[in-house]
Amino acid sequence: MSVSYRAFLLRLRKLAKIALSEYGLERAKLRFITYTGNGLYQVTVPPGNPIIPGKYTLRLHQPDYMTPQFIISEMEWLSALYQEGIMVPRPVRSLKEDWLTKADGGYDVPQTRECTLIGWTEGRLLNKRIRPKHFKALGRVIGRMHEQSRRWKRPKRFARPHWDWEGLYGDGFSYGVPATDAREAIPKAHQVAFNDVLNRIREVSEQMGKKKIVYGLIHADLGLTDNVAFHAGEARPFDFDDCGFGYWVFDFGVVLGQYFIDTNDASRTIQDALISGYEETADPEDIGIEYLNLFMAARIAQLMFFYQASGMAHPQHMEESKQGVNEHAKYLKKILKRIS
């Protein structure tokens, strides 16, 4: 069954209202933000409700992406980070004290959604006038998150994806098609560069192992112009939807790789600023900083794999996916020249 986009959004809003009732927030103001698989709403809670008045984010999670246990574990980590004083979105429990609720409108489209409520992230999103000081501020909070991750005793049944080689390019995380098929479908013009990065990452990963000094719970999707707000000189990460276990240095690779794609800037100045901020809150020694450029390439190759696999799983979006693969391949080849 298919419905128009307008009808889809009207139905999605009904699901959002059903979800809010699980928190006793029937009188809250609901404002649509975006739909990119997850449906996102800003919720303004007035006084006289079961939770503290203010702004919140309601997420209607994308079906068949993260499992319910993965989502619950994300909320548990957010809660632990928030309790440590790190300015991440504060997760909110339902009236039944659950991290996760379900909204069922009786529709085939959109289908039943898992829902979560978290605090709204105040601050400014950067899209211009980005300075080394912003990288330094982001480095500080990445260091704090890594340190918390090293010390934290995770709850029983805690589960998040692993962004190791299998998670990034294999069947450790599924985008709906066999990973081998997606890797082999990368255009021939990009196969040499793509496979070069995958082989290097496999080799370095085997050398590094997965001890706490190099590997742990990371955000895995931090871009300076995306998923970070700045307030009073402080970087405030949000959108932990892809958080999981990975190499600490991969968080650096994501930040710098995304910035390189956005601006064509991979200068030592911004790398040094990010590392300098990290050094204020965590010890970068032995985490693999010497492989920073390689992990930038690893991120770009991951995005190429994602676009290719997603296009194959959803043929109606194949043209857009092809553009994504080709665009990211240009930057992958530039980074490889730096490594070589």
C-alpha atoms as a PDB file:
ATOM      1  CA  MET A   1       0.000   0.000   0.000  1.00  0.00           C
ATOM      2  CA  SER A   2       1.334   3.441  -0.921  1.00  0.00           C
ATOM      3  CA  VAL A   3       0.176   6.858   0.235  1.00  0.00           C
ATOM      4  CA  SER A   4       1.091  10.400  -0.758  1.00  0.00           C
ATOM      5  CA  TYR A   5       3.882  12.098   1.156  1.00  0.00           C
ATOM      6  CA  ARG A   6       1.372  14.510   2.687  1.00  0.00           C
ATOM      7  CA  ALA A   7      -0.814  11.628   3.882  1.00  0.00           C
ATOM      8  CA  PHE A   8       2.269   9.866   5.185  1.00  0.00           C
ATOM      9  CA  LEU A   9       3.258  12.895   7.288  1.00  0.00           C
ATOM     10  CA  LEU A  10      -0.287  13.286   8.635  1.00  0.00           C
ATOM     11  CA  ARG A  11      -0.247   9.664   9.732  1.00  0.00           C
ATOM     12  CA  LEU A  12       3.240  10.054  11.172  1.00  0.00           C
ATOM     13  CA  ARG A  13       2.011  12.972  13.264  1.00  0.00           C
ATOM     14  CA  LYS A  14      -0.758  10.774  14.667  1.00  0.00           C
ATOM     15  CA  LEU A  15       1.902   8.230  15.643  1.00  0.00           C
ATOM     16  CA  ALA A  16       3.844  11.026  17.326  1.00  0.00           C
ATOM     17  CA  LYS A  17       0.779  11.996  19.373  1.00  0.00           C
ATOM     18  CA  ILE A  18       0.271   8.362  20.365  1.00  0.00           C
ATOM     19  CA  ALA A  19       3.904   8.251  21.490  1.00  0.00           C
ATOM     20  CA  LEU A  20       3.529  11.445  23.562  1.00  0.00           C
ATOM     21  CA  SER A  21       0.618   9.923  25.442  1.00  0.00           C
ATOM     22  CA  GLU A  22       3.057   7.327  26.805  1.00  0.00           C
ATOM     23  CA  TYR A  23       4.808  10.203  28.603  1.00  0.00           C
ATOM     24  CA  GLY A  24       1.622  11.931  29.741  1.00  0.00           C
ATOM     25  CA  LEU A  25       2.285  14.773  27.312  1.00  0.00           C
ATOM     26  CA  GLU A  26      -1.032  15.088  25.505  1.00  0.00           C
ATOM     27  CA  ARG A  27      -0.981  18.876  26.010  1.00  0.00           C
ATOM     28  CA  ALA A  28       2.556  19.369  24.685  1.00  0.00           C
ATOM     29  CA  LYS A  29       3.167  21.335  21.483  1.00  0.00           C
ATOM     30  CA  LEU A  30       4.419  19.205  18.599  1.00  0.00           C
ATOM     31  CA  ARG A  31       6.441  20.641  15.678  1.00  0.00           C
ATOM     32  CA  PHE A  32       7.694  18.552  12.751  1.00  0.00           C
ATOM     33  CA  ILE A  33      11.445  18.856  12.119  1.00  0.00           C
ATOM     34  CA  THR A  34      12.371  16.336   9.433  1.00  0.00           C
ATOM     35  CA  TYR A  35      11.902  12.834   8.118  1.00  0.00           C
ATOM     36  CA  THR A  36      15.013  10.942   6.991  1.00  0.00           C
ATOM     37  CA  GLY A  37      14.035   7.403   7.968  1.00  0.00           C
ATOM     38  CA  ASN A  38      13.642   8.616  11.548  1.00  0.00           C
ATOM     39  CA  GLY A  39      10.736  11.000  12.071  1.00  0.00           C
ATOM     40  CA  LEU A  40      11.860  13.912  14.257  1.00  0.00           C
ATOM     41  CA  TYR A  41       9.638  16.350  16.171  1.00  0.00           C
ATOM     42  CA  GLN A  42      10.367  19.172  18.559  1.00  0.00           C
ATOM     43  CA  VAL A  43       8.170  18.857  21.650  1.00  0.00           C
ATOM     44  CA  THR A  44       7.526  21.915  23.828  1.00  0.00           C
ATOM     45  CA  VAL A  45       6.340  20.878  27.273  1.00  0.00           C
ATOM     46  CA  PRO A  46       4.491  23.511  29.338  1.00  0.00           C
ATOM     47  CA  PRO A  47       4.374  23.538  33.159  1.00  0.00           C
ATOM     48  CA  GLY A  48       2.064  21.076  34.862  1.00  0.00           C
ATOM     49  CA  ASN A  49       3.240  17.970  33.006  1.00  0.00           C
ATOM     50  CA  PRO A  50       4.977  14.813  34.285  1.00  0.00           C
ATOM     51  CA  ILE A  51       8.403  16.003  33.044  1.00  0.00           C
ATOM     52  CA  ILE A  52      10.374  19.234  33.426  1.00  0.00           C
ATOM     53  CA  PRO A  53       9.010  22.040  31.208  1.00  0.00           C
ATOM     54  CA  GLY A  54      11.100  22.852  28.157  1.00  0.00           C
ATOM     55  CA  LYS A  55      11.992  21.598  24.705  1.00  0.00           C
ATOM     56  CA  TYR A  56      12.545  17.947  23.770  1.00  0.00           C
ATOM     57  CA  THR A  57      13.103  15.825  20.684  1.00  0.00           C
ATOM     58  CA  LEU A  58      10.702  12.991  19.881  1.00  0.00           C
ATOM     59  CA  ARG A  59      12.171  10.331  17.611  1.00  0.00           C
ATOM     60  CA  LEU A  60      10.053   7.855  15.662  1.00  0.00           C
ATOM     61  CA  HIS A  61      12.734   5.373  14.757  1.00  0.00           C
ATOM     62  CA  GLN A  62      13.287   3.983  11.281  1.00  0.00           C
ATOM     63  CA  PRO A  63      11.992   0.400  11.036  1.00  0.00           C
ATOM     64  CA  ASP A  64      14.536  -2.384  10.487  1.00  0.00           C
ATOM     65  CA  TYR A  65      17.554  -0.164  11.155  1.00  0.00           C
ATOM     66  CA  MET A  66      18.440  -0.397  14.844  1.00  0.00           C
ATOM     67  CA  THR A  67      16.943  -3.185  16.969  1.00  0.00           C
ATOM     68  CA  PRO A  68      14.906  -2.273  20.076  1.00  0.00           C
ATOM     69  CA  GLN A  69      17.798  -3.419  22.303  1.00  0.00           C
ATOM     70  CA  PHE A  70      20.224  -1.261  20.340  1.00  0.00           C
ATOM     71  CA  ILE A  71      17.964   1.772  20.888  1.00  0.00           C
ATOM     72  CA  ILE A  72      17.540   1.055  24.606  1.00  0.00           C
ATOM     73  CA  SER A  73      21.324   0.768  24.917  1.00  0.00           C
ATOM     74  CA  GLU A  74      21.784   4.119  23.169  1.00  0.00           C
ATOM     75  CA  MET A  75      19.465   5.688  25.763  1.00  0.00           C
ATOM     76  CA  GLU A  76      21.412   4.029  28.592  1.00  0.00           C
ATOM     77  CA  TRP A  77      24.679   5.472  27.322  1.00  0.00           C
ATOM     78  CA  LEU A  78      23.154   8.926  26.845  1.00  0.00           C
ATOM     79  CA  SER A  79      21.903   8.786  30.441  1.00  0.00           C
ATOM     80  CA  ALA A  80      25.356   7.847  31.722  1.00  0.00           C
ATOM     81  CA  LEU A  81      27.051  10.593  29.690  1.00  0.00           C
ATOM     82  CA  TYR A  82      24.531  13.176  30.900  1.00  0.00           C
ATOM     83  CA  GLN A  83      25.013  12.143  34.525  1.00  0.00           C
ATOM     84  CA  GLU A  84      28.734  12.725  34.046  1.00  0.00           C
ATOM     85  CA  GLY A  85      28.014  16.341  33.099  1.00  0.00           C
ATOM     86  CA  ILE A  86      28.629  15.933  29.371  1.00  0.00           C
ATOM     87  CA  MET A  87      26.145  18.066  27.439  1.00  0.00           C
ATOM     88  CA  VAL A  88      24.389  15.405  25.394  1.00  0.00           C
ATOM     89  CA  PRO A  89      20.609  15.064  24.984  1.00  0.00           C
ATOM     90  CA  ARG A  90      19.067  13.876  28.276  1.00  0.00           C
ATOM     91  CA  PRO A  91      16.973  10.753  27.687  1.00  0.00           C
ATOM     92  CA  VAL A  92      13.489  10.617  29.222  1.00  0.00           C
ATOM     93  CA  ARG A  93      11.641   7.555  30.500  1.00  0.00           C
ATOM     94  CA  SER A  94       7.950   6.975  29.820  1.00  0.00           C
ATOM     95  CA  LEU A  95       5.256   6.890  32.501  1.00  0.00           C
ATOM     96  CA  LYS A  96       5.963   3.155  32.722  1.00  0.00           C
ATOM     97  CA  GLU A  97       9.671   3.918  33.316  1.00  0.00           C
ATOM     98  CA  ASP A  98      10.639   2.550  29.908  1.00  0.00           C
ATOM     99  CA  TRP A  99      13.297   4.073  27.654  1.00  0.00           C
ATOM    100  CA  LEU A 100      11.439   2.859  24.576  1.00  0.00           C
ATOM    101  CA  THR A 101       7.761   3.128  23.627  1.00  0.00           C
ATOM    102  CA  LYS A 102       5.737   1.913  20.660  1.00  0.00           C
ATOM    103  CA  ALA A 103       3.293   3.895  18.529  1.00  0.00           C
ATOM    104  CA  ASP A 104       0.832   1.859  16.496  1.00  0.00           C
ATOM    105  CA  GLY A 105      -1.707   3.747  14.396  1.00  0.00           C
ATOM    106  CA  GLY A 106      -3.052   0.631  12.738  1.00  0.00           C
ATOM    107  CA  TYR A 107      -1.457   1.626   9.420  1.00  0.00           C
ATOM    108  CA  ASP A 108       0.516  -0.427   6.932  1.00  0.00           C
ATOM    109  CA  VAL A 109       2.287   2.842   6.016  1.00  0.00           C
ATOM    110  CA  PRO A 110       3.808   4.120   8.206  1.00  0.00           C
ATOM    111  CA  GLN A 111       4.087   0.950  10.219  1.00  0.00           C
ATOM    112  CA  THR A 112       4.415   0.696  14.003  1.00  0.00           C
ATOM    113  CA  ARG A 113       7.368   2.776  15.226  1.00  0.00           C
ATOM    114  CA  GLU A 114       9.697   2.467  18.201  1.00  0.00           C
ATOM    115  CA  CYS A 115       9.844   5.893  19.855  1.00  0.00           C
ATOM    116  CA  THR A 116      12.166   7.726  22.243  1.00  0.00           C
ATOM    117  CA  LEU A 117      12.108  11.131  23.915  1.00  0.00           C
ATOM    118  CA  ILE A 118      15.320  13.056  24.595  1.00  0.00           C
ATOM    119  CA  GLY A 119      16.247  16.595  25.557  1.00  0.00           C
ATOM    120  CA  TRP A 120      16.496  19.264  22.865  1.00  0.00           C
ATOM    121  CA  THR A 121      20.066  20.346  22.072  1.00  0.00           C
ATOM    122  CA  GLU A 122      20.448  24.094  22.454  1.00  0.00           C
ATOM    123  CA  GLY A 123      23.116  25.831  20.421  1.00  0.00           C
ATOM    124  CA  ARG A 124      24.165  26.886  16.945  1.00  0.00           C
ATOM    125  CA  LEU A 125      24.826  24.576  14.030  1.00  0.00           C
ATOM    126  CA  LEU A 126      27.901  25.644  12.064  1.00  0.00           C
ATOM    127  CA  ASN A 127      27.779  26.086   8.310  1.00  0.00           C
ATOM    128  CA  LYS A 128      30.286  28.905   7.864  1.00  0.00           C
ATOM    129  CA  ARG A 129      33.062  30.711   9.706  1.00  0.00           C
ATOM    130  CA  ILE A 130      34.378  27.444  11.068  1.00  0.00           C
ATOM    131  CA  ARG A 131      37.615  28.000  12.968  1.00  0.00           C
ATOM    132  CA  PRO A 132      40.262  25.813  14.637  1.00  0.00           C
ATOM    133  CA  LYS A 133      38.678  26.743  17.983  1.00  0.00           C
ATOM    134  CA  HIS A 134      35.588  24.784  16.979  1.00  0.00           C
ATOM    135  CA  PHE A 135      37.674  21.677  16.283  1.00  0.00           C
ATOM    136  CA  LYS A 136      39.390  22.158  19.621  1.00  0.00           C
ATOM    137  CA  ALA A 137      36.048  22.371  21.449  1.00  0.00           C
ATOM    138  CA  LEU A 138      34.860  19.225  19.677  1.00  0.00           C
ATOM    139  CA  GLY A 139      38.110  17.447  20.550  1.00  0.00           C
ATOM    140  CA  ARG A 140      37.509  18.204  24.241  1.00  0.00           C
ATOM    141  CA  VAL A 141      34.071  16.598  24.309  1.00  0.00           C
ATOM    142  CA  ILE A 142      35.196  13.589  22.251  1.00  0.00           C
ATOM    143  CA  GLY A 143      37.921  13.069  24.848  1.00  0.00           C
ATOM    144  CA  ARG A 144      35.390  13.238  27.673  1.00  0.00           C
ATOM    145  CA  MET A 145      33.115  10.718  25.955  1.00  0.00           C
ATOM    146  CA  HIS A 146      36.003   8.339  25.322  1.00  0.00           C
ATOM    147  CA  GLU A 147      37.155   8.560  28.939  1.00  0.00           C
ATOM    148  CA  GLN A 148      33.633   7.893  30.200  1.00  0.00           C
ATOM    149  CA  SER A 149      33.348   4.945  27.830  1.00  0.00           C
ATOM    150  CA  ARG A 150      36.585   3.429  29.128  1.00  0.00           C
ATOM    151  CA  ARG A 151      35.445   3.620  32.772  1.00  0.00           C
ATOM    152  CA  TRP A 152      31.749   2.899  32.438  1.00  0.00           C
ATOM    153  CA  LYS A 153      30.376  -0.449  33.577  1.00  0.00           C
ATOM    154  CA  ARG A 154      27.762  -1.149  30.949  1.00  0.00           C
ATOM    155  CA  PRO A 155      24.350  -2.568  31.976  1.00  0.00           C
ATOM    156  CA  LYS A 156      23.520  -6.193  31.310  1.00  0.00           C
ATOM    157  CA  ARG A 157      22.187  -6.835  27.810  1.00  0.00           C
ATOM    158  CA  PHE A 158      23.827  -3.620  26.569  1.00  0.00           C
ATOM    159  CA  ALA A 159      24.241  -3.950  22.806  1.00  0.00           C
ATOM    160  CA  ARG A 160      25.341  -1.627  20.039  1.00  0.00           C
ATOM    161  CA  PRO A 161      26.772  -2.282  16.557  1.00  0.00           C
ATOM    162  CA  HIS A 162      30.514  -2.815  16.124  1.00  0.00           C
ATOM    163  CA  TRP A 163      32.065  -0.451  13.608  1.00  0.00           C
ATOM    164  CA  ASP A 164      35.046  -2.714  12.988  1.00  0.00           C
ATOM    165  CA  TRP A 165      35.893  -3.979   9.480  1.00  0.00           C
ATOM    166  CA  GLU A 166      32.868  -6.279   9.382  1.00  0.00           C
ATOM    167  CA  GLY A 167      30.559  -3.537  10.648  1.00  0.00           C
ATOM    168  CA  LEU A 168      31.874  -0.925   8.222  1.00  0.00           C
ATOM    169  CA  TYR A 169      32.182  -3.031   5.061  1.00  0.00           C
ATOM    170  CA  GLY A 170      30.901  -6.529   5.850  1.00  0.00           C
ATOM    171  CA  ASP A 171      27.775  -8.229   7.088  1.00  0.00           C
ATOM    172  CA  GLY A 172      28.311  -7.039  10.670  1.00  0.00           C
ATOM    173  CA  PHE A 173      25.692  -4.397   9.926  1.00  0.00           C
ATOM    174  CA  SER A 174      23.141  -4.942   7.172  1.00  0.00           C
ATOM    175  CA  TYR A 175      21.829  -2.364   4.741  1.00  0.00           C
ATOM    176  CA  GLY A 176      19.532  -4.905   3.113  1.00  0.00           C
ATOM    177  CA  VAL A 177      21.851  -6.632   0.622  1.00  0.00           C
ATOM    178  CA  PRO A 178      24.803  -9.041   1.044  1.00  0.00           C
ATOM    179  CA  ALA A 179      27.943  -7.049   1.766  1.00  0.00           C
ATOM    180  CA  THR A 180      29.992  -8.938  -0.830  1.00  0.00           C
ATOM    181  CA  ASP A 181      27.505  -7.966  -3.538  1.00  0.00           C
ATOM    182  CA  ALA A 182      27.648  -4.311  -2.526  1.00  0.00           C
ATOM    183  CA  ARG A 183      31.449  -4.230  -2.399  1.00  0.00           C
ATOM    184  CA  GLU A 184      31.757  -5.878  -5.808  1.00  0.00           C
ATOM    185  CA  ALA A 185      29.206  -3.469  -7.295  1.00  0.00           C
ATOM    186  CA  ILE A 186      31.365  -0.413  -6.546  1.00  0.00           C
ATOM    187  CA  PRO A 187      32.160   0.996 -10.028  1.00  0.00           C
ATOM    188  CA  LYS A 188      35.343  -0.358 -11.619  1.00  0.00           C
ATOM    189  CA  ALA A 189      36.802   3.139 -11.789  1.00  0.00           C
ATOM    190  CA  HIS A 190      36.851   3.227  -7.980  1.00  0.00           C
ATOM    191  CA  GLN A 191      37.558  -0.406  -7.129  1.00  0.00           C
ATOM    192  CA  VAL A 192      41.341  -0.046  -6.759  1.00  0.00           C
ATOM    193  CA  ALA A 193      41.104   2.891  -4.347  1.00  0.00           C
ATOM    194  CA  PHE A 194      38.161   1.376  -2.444  1.00  0.00           C
ATOM    195  CA  ASN A 195      39.816  -2.010  -1.965  1.00  0.00           C
ATOM    196  CA  ASP A 196      43.144  -0.405  -1.098  1.00  0.00           C
ATOM    197  CA  VAL A 197      41.501   1.319   1.872  1.00  0.00           C
ATOM    198  CA  LEU A 198      39.638  -1.816   2.940  1.00  0.00           C
ATOM    199  CA  ASN A 199      42.828  -3.880   2.839  1.00  0.00           C
ATOM    200  CA  ARG A 200      44.785  -1.277   4.796  1.00  0.00           C
ATOM    201  CA  ILE A 201      42.051  -1.004   7.434  1.00  0.00           C
ATOM    202  CA  ARG A 202      41.891  -4.776   7.821  1.00  0.00           C
ATOM    203  CA  GLU A 203      45.662  -4.947   8.298  1.00  0.00           C
ATOM    204  CA  VAL A 204      45.809  -2.040  10.775  1.00  0.00           C
ATOM    205  CA  SER A 205      42.806  -3.382  12.715  1.00  0.00           C
ATOM    206  CA  GLU A 206      44.522  -6.740  13.118  1.00  0.00           C
ATOM    207  CA  GLN A 207      47.650  -4.987  14.380  1.00  0.00           C
ATOM    208  CA  MET A 208      45.755  -2.773  16.851  1.00  0.00           C
ATOM    209  CA  GLY A 209      43.415  -5.422  18.260  1.00  0.00           C
ATOM    210  CA  LYS A 210      40.428  -4.413  20.370  1.00  0.00           C
ATOM    211  CA  LYS A 211      41.828  -3.617  23.802  1.00  0.00           C
ATOM    212  CA  LYS A 212      40.355  -0.691  25.755  1.00  0.00           C
ATOM    213  CA  ILE A 213      43.335   1.479  24.956  1.00  0.00           C
ATOM    214  CA  VAL A 214      42.320   1.589  21.271  1.00  0.00           C
ATOM    215  CA  TYR A 215      38.697   0.419  21.053  1.00  0.00           C
ATOM    216  CA  GLY A 216      35.434   1.222  22.812  1.00  0.00           C
ATOM    217  CA  LEU A 217      32.055   2.926  22.655  1.00  0.00           C
ATOM    218  CA  ILE A 218      32.112   5.879  20.234  1.00  0.00           C
ATOM    219  CA  HIS A 219      29.666   8.314  18.645  1.00  0.00           C
ATOM    220  CA  ALA A 220      30.741   7.253  15.121  1.00  0.00           C
ATOM    221  CA  ASP A 221      28.810   9.997  13.267  1.00  0.00           C
ATOM    222  CA  LEU A 222      30.184  13.358  14.391  1.00  0.00           C
ATOM    223  CA  GLY A 223      30.562  15.986  11.698  1.00  0.00           C
ATOM    224  CA  LEU A 224      31.468  19.552  12.615  1.00  0.00           C
ATOM    225  CA  THR A 225      28.552  20.826  10.516  1.00  0.00           C
ATOM    226  CA  ASP A 226      26.288  17.939  11.468  1.00  0.00           C
ATOM    227  CA  ASN A 227      25.278  16.363  14.793  1.00  0.00           C
ATOM    228  CA  VAL A 228      27.120  18.998  16.881  1.00  0.00           C
ATOM    229  CA  ALA A 229      25.727  22.262  18.250  1.00  0.00           C
ATOM    230  CA  PHE A 230      27.898  25.018  19.750  1.00  0.00           C
ATOM    231  CA  HIS A 231      26.838  27.022  22.769  1.00  0.00           C
ATOM    232  CA  ALA A 232      29.039  29.449  24.732  1.00  0.00           C
ATOM    233  CA  GLY A 233      32.178  27.932  23.218  1.00  0.00           C
ATOM    234  CA  GLU A 234      31.123  24.377  24.099  1.00  0.00           C
ATOM    235  CA  ALA A 235      30.533  21.576  21.599  1.00  0.00           C
ATOM    236  CA  ARG A 236      27.337  19.625  22.277  1.00  0.00           C
ATOM    237  CA  PRO A 237      27.034  16.326  20.395  1.00  0.00           C
ATOM    238  CA  PHE A 238      23.640  14.915  19.480  1.00  0.00           C
ATOM    239  CA  ASP A 239      22.177  12.229  17.180  1.00  0.00           C
ATOM    240  CA  PHE A 240      23.714   9.125  18.756  1.00  0.00           C
ATOM    241  CA  ASP A 241      21.655   6.928  16.419  1.00  0.00           C
ATOM    242  CA  ASP A 242      24.812   5.288  14.994  1.00  0.00           C
ATOM    243  CA  CYS A 243      26.853   5.076  18.187  1.00  0.00           C
ATOM    244  CA  GLY A 244      28.627   1.769  18.661  1.00  0.00           C
ATOM    245  CA  PHE A 245      31.914   0.061  19.375  1.00  0.00           C
ATOM    246  CA  GLY A 246      34.862   1.125  17.283  1.00  0.00           C
ATOM    247  CA  TYR A 247      38.390   2.472  17.294  1.00  0.00           C
ATOM    248  CA  TRP A 248      38.767   5.727  19.202  1.00  0.00           C
ATOM    249  CA  VAL A 249      40.604   7.183  16.219  1.00  0.00           C
ATOM    250  CA  PHE A 250      37.577   6.471  13.998  1.00  0.00           C
ATOM    251  CA  ASP A 251      35.723   9.307  15.763  1.00  0.00           C
ATOM    252  CA  PHE A 252      38.551  11.601  14.580  1.00  0.00           C
ATOM    253  CA  GLY A 253      38.358  10.136  11.090  1.00  0.00           C
ATOM    254  CA  VAL A 254      34.616  10.802  10.899  1.00  0.00           C
ATOM    255  CA  VAL A 255      34.972  14.458  11.940  1.00  0.00           C
ATOM    256  CA  LEU A 256      37.879  15.204   9.617  1.00  0.00           C
ATOM    257  CA  GLY A 257      36.635  13.041   6.749  1.00  0.00           C
ATOM    258  CA  GLN A 258      33.266  14.771   6.710  1.00  0.00           C
ATOM    259  CA  TYR A 259      34.882  18.213   6.896  1.00  0.00           C
ATOM    260  CA  PHE A 260      37.164  17.282   3.993  1.00  0.00           C
ATOM    261  CA  ILE A 261      34.128  16.254   1.913  1.00  0.00           C
ATOM    262  CA  ASP A 262      32.306  19.486   2.820  1.00  0.00           C
ATOM    263  CA  THR A 263      35.202  21.904   2.321  1.00  0.00           C
ATOM    264  CA  ASN A 264      38.094  20.086   0.580  1.00  0.00           C
ATOM    265  CA  ASP A 265      40.193  21.087   3.609  1.00  0.00           C
ATOM    266  CA  ALA A 266      42.338  18.432   5.290  1.00  0.00           C
ATOM    267  CA  SER A 267      45.004  20.749   6.664  1.00  0.00           C
ATOM    268  CA  ARG A 268      47.271  19.962   9.599  1.00  0.00           C
ATOM    269  CA  THR A 269      45.894  23.048  11.353  1.00  0.00           C
ATOM    270  CA  ILE A 270      42.451  21.584  11.889  1.00  0.00           C
ATOM    271  CA  GLN A 271      43.831  18.142  12.719  1.00  0.00           C
ATOM    272  CA  ASP A 272      46.141  19.659  15.321  1.00  0.00           C
ATOM    273  CA  ALA A 273      43.273  21.682  16.812  1.00  0.00           C
ATOM    274  CA  LEU A 274      41.103  18.567  17.175  1.00  0.00           C
ATOM    275  CA  ILE A 275      43.928  16.614  18.803  1.00  0.00           C
ATOM    276  CA  SER A 276      44.866  19.549  21.041  1.00  0.00           C
ATOM    277  CA  GLY A 277      41.334  19.735  22.417  1.00  0.00           C
ATOM    278  CA  TYR A 278      41.293  15.969  22.957  1.00  0.00           C
ATOM    279  CA  GLU A 279      44.549  16.184  24.921  1.00  0.00           C
ATOM    280  CA  GLU A 280      42.844  18.470  27.451  1.00  0.00           C
ATOM    281  CA  THR A 281      40.428  15.716  28.507  1.00  0.00           C
ATOM    282  CA  ALA A 282      41.968  12.404  27.401  1.00  0.00           C
ATOM    283  CA  ASP A 283      45.308  10.847  26.509  1.00  0.00           C
ATOM    284  CA  PRO A 284      45.734  10.348  22.747  1.00  0.00           C
ATOM    285  CA  GLU A 285      48.866   8.250  23.149  1.00  0.00           C
ATOM    286  CA  ASP A 286      48.570   4.723  21.759  1.00  0.00           C
ATOM    287  CA  ILE A 287      45.019   5.190  20.360  1.00  0.00           C
ATOM    288  CA  GLY A 288      46.281   5.124  16.767  1.00  0.00           C
ATOM    289  CA  ILE A 289      46.545   8.817  15.923  1.00  0.00           C
ATOM    290  CA  GLU A 290      49.340   7.931  13.483  1.00  0.00           C
ATOM    291  CA  TYR A 291      46.612   6.317  11.347  1.00  0.00           C
ATOM    292  CA  LEU A 292      44.434   9.436  11.305  1.00  0.00           C
ATOM    293  CA  ASN A 293      44.489   9.927   7.522  1.00  0.00           C
ATOM    294  CA  LEU A 294      43.742   6.238   7.004  1.00  0.00           C
ATOM    295  CA  PHE A 295      40.683   6.441   9.257  1.00  0.00           C
ATOM    296  CA  MET A 296      39.528   9.511   7.346  1.00  0.00           C
ATOM    297  CA  ALA A 297      39.700   7.321   4.266  1.00  0.00           C
ATOM    298  CA  ALA A 298      37.932   4.540   6.186  1.00  0.00           C
ATOM    299  CA  ARG A 299      34.991   6.859   6.837  1.00  0.00           C
ATOM    300  CA  ILE A 300      34.761   7.950   3.209  1.00  0.00           C
ATOM    301  CA  ALA A 301      34.925   4.316   2.040  1.00  0.00           C
ATOM    302  CA  GLN A 302      32.190   3.441   4.555  1.00  0.00           C
ATOM    303  CA  LEU A 303      29.951   6.097   3.016  1.00  0.00           C
ATOM    304  CA  MET A 304      30.658   4.754  -0.475  1.00  0.00           C
ATOM    305  CA  PHE A 305      29.686   1.265   0.721  1.00  0.00           C
ATOM    306  CA  PHE A 306      26.548   2.647   2.390  1.00  0.00           C
ATOM    307  CA  TYR A 307      25.432   4.478  -0.763  1.00  0.00           C
ATOM    308  CA  GLN A 308      26.074   1.437  -2.940  1.00  0.00           C
ATOM    309  CA  ALA A 309      24.276  -0.996  -0.631  1.00  0.00           C
ATOM    310  CA  SER A 310      21.346   1.372  -0.047  1.00  0.00           C
ATOM    311  CA  GLY A 311      20.870   1.915  -3.769  1.00  0.00           C
ATOM    312  CA  MET A 312      20.815  -1.820  -4.379  1.00  0.00           C
ATOM    313  CA  ALA A 313      18.323  -2.365  -1.550  1.00  0.00           C
ATOM    314  CA  HIS A 314      16.127   0.510  -2.770  1.00  0.00           C
ATOM    315  CA  PRO A 315      16.418   0.646  -6.595  1.00  0.00           C
ATOM    316  CA  GLN A 316      14.170   3.720  -6.777  1.00  0.00           C
ATOM    317  CA  HIS A 317      17.055   5.661  -5.209  1.00  0.00           C
ATOM    318  CA  MET A 318      19.848   4.099  -7.288  1.00  0.00           C
ATOM    319  CA  GLU A 319      20.654   7.247  -9.292  1.00  0.00           C
ATOM    320  CA  GLU A 320      21.094   9.271  -6.110  1.00  0.00           C
ATOM    321  CA  SER A 321      23.211   6.454  -4.664  1.00  0.00           C
ATOM    322  CA  LYS A 322      25.454   6.382  -7.745  1.00  0.00           C
ATOM    323  CA  GLN A 323      26.072  10.105  -7.363  1.00  0.00           C
ATOM    324  CA  GLY A 324      26.976   9.565  -3.707  1.00  0.00           C
ATOM    325  CA  VAL A 325      29.457   6.815  -4.552  1.00  0.00           C
ATOM    326  CA  ASN A 326      31.120   8.824  -7.336  1.00  0.00           C
ATOM    327  CA  GLU A 327      31.304  12.032  -5.304  1.00  0.00           C
ATOM    328  CA  HIS A 328      32.884  10.342  -2.287  1.00  0.00           C
ATOM    329  CA  ALA A 329      35.315   8.409  -4.474  1.00  0.00           C
ATOM    330  CA  LYS A 330      36.958  11.692  -5.532  1.00  0.00           C
ATOM    331  CA  TYR A 331      37.820  12.500  -1.925  1.00  0.00           C
ATOM    332  CA  LEU A 332      38.892   8.944  -1.168  1.00  0.00           C
ATOM    333  CA  LYS A 333      41.509   9.117  -3.915  1.00  0.00           C
ATOM    334  CA  LYS A 334      42.788  12.468  -2.658  1.00  0.00           C
ATOM    335  CA  ILE A 335      43.234  11.098   0.868  1.00  0.00           C
ATOM    336  CA  LEU A 336      45.029   8.029  -0.462  1.00  0.00           C
ATOM    337  CA  LYS A 337      47.582  10.301  -2.142  1.00  0.00           C
ATOM    338  CA  ARG A 338      48.301  11.877   1.259  1.00  0.00           C
ATOM    339  CA  ILE A 339      48.767   8.450   2.837  1.00  0.00           C
ATOM    340  CA  SER A 340      51.041   7.235   0.060  1.00  0.00           C
END
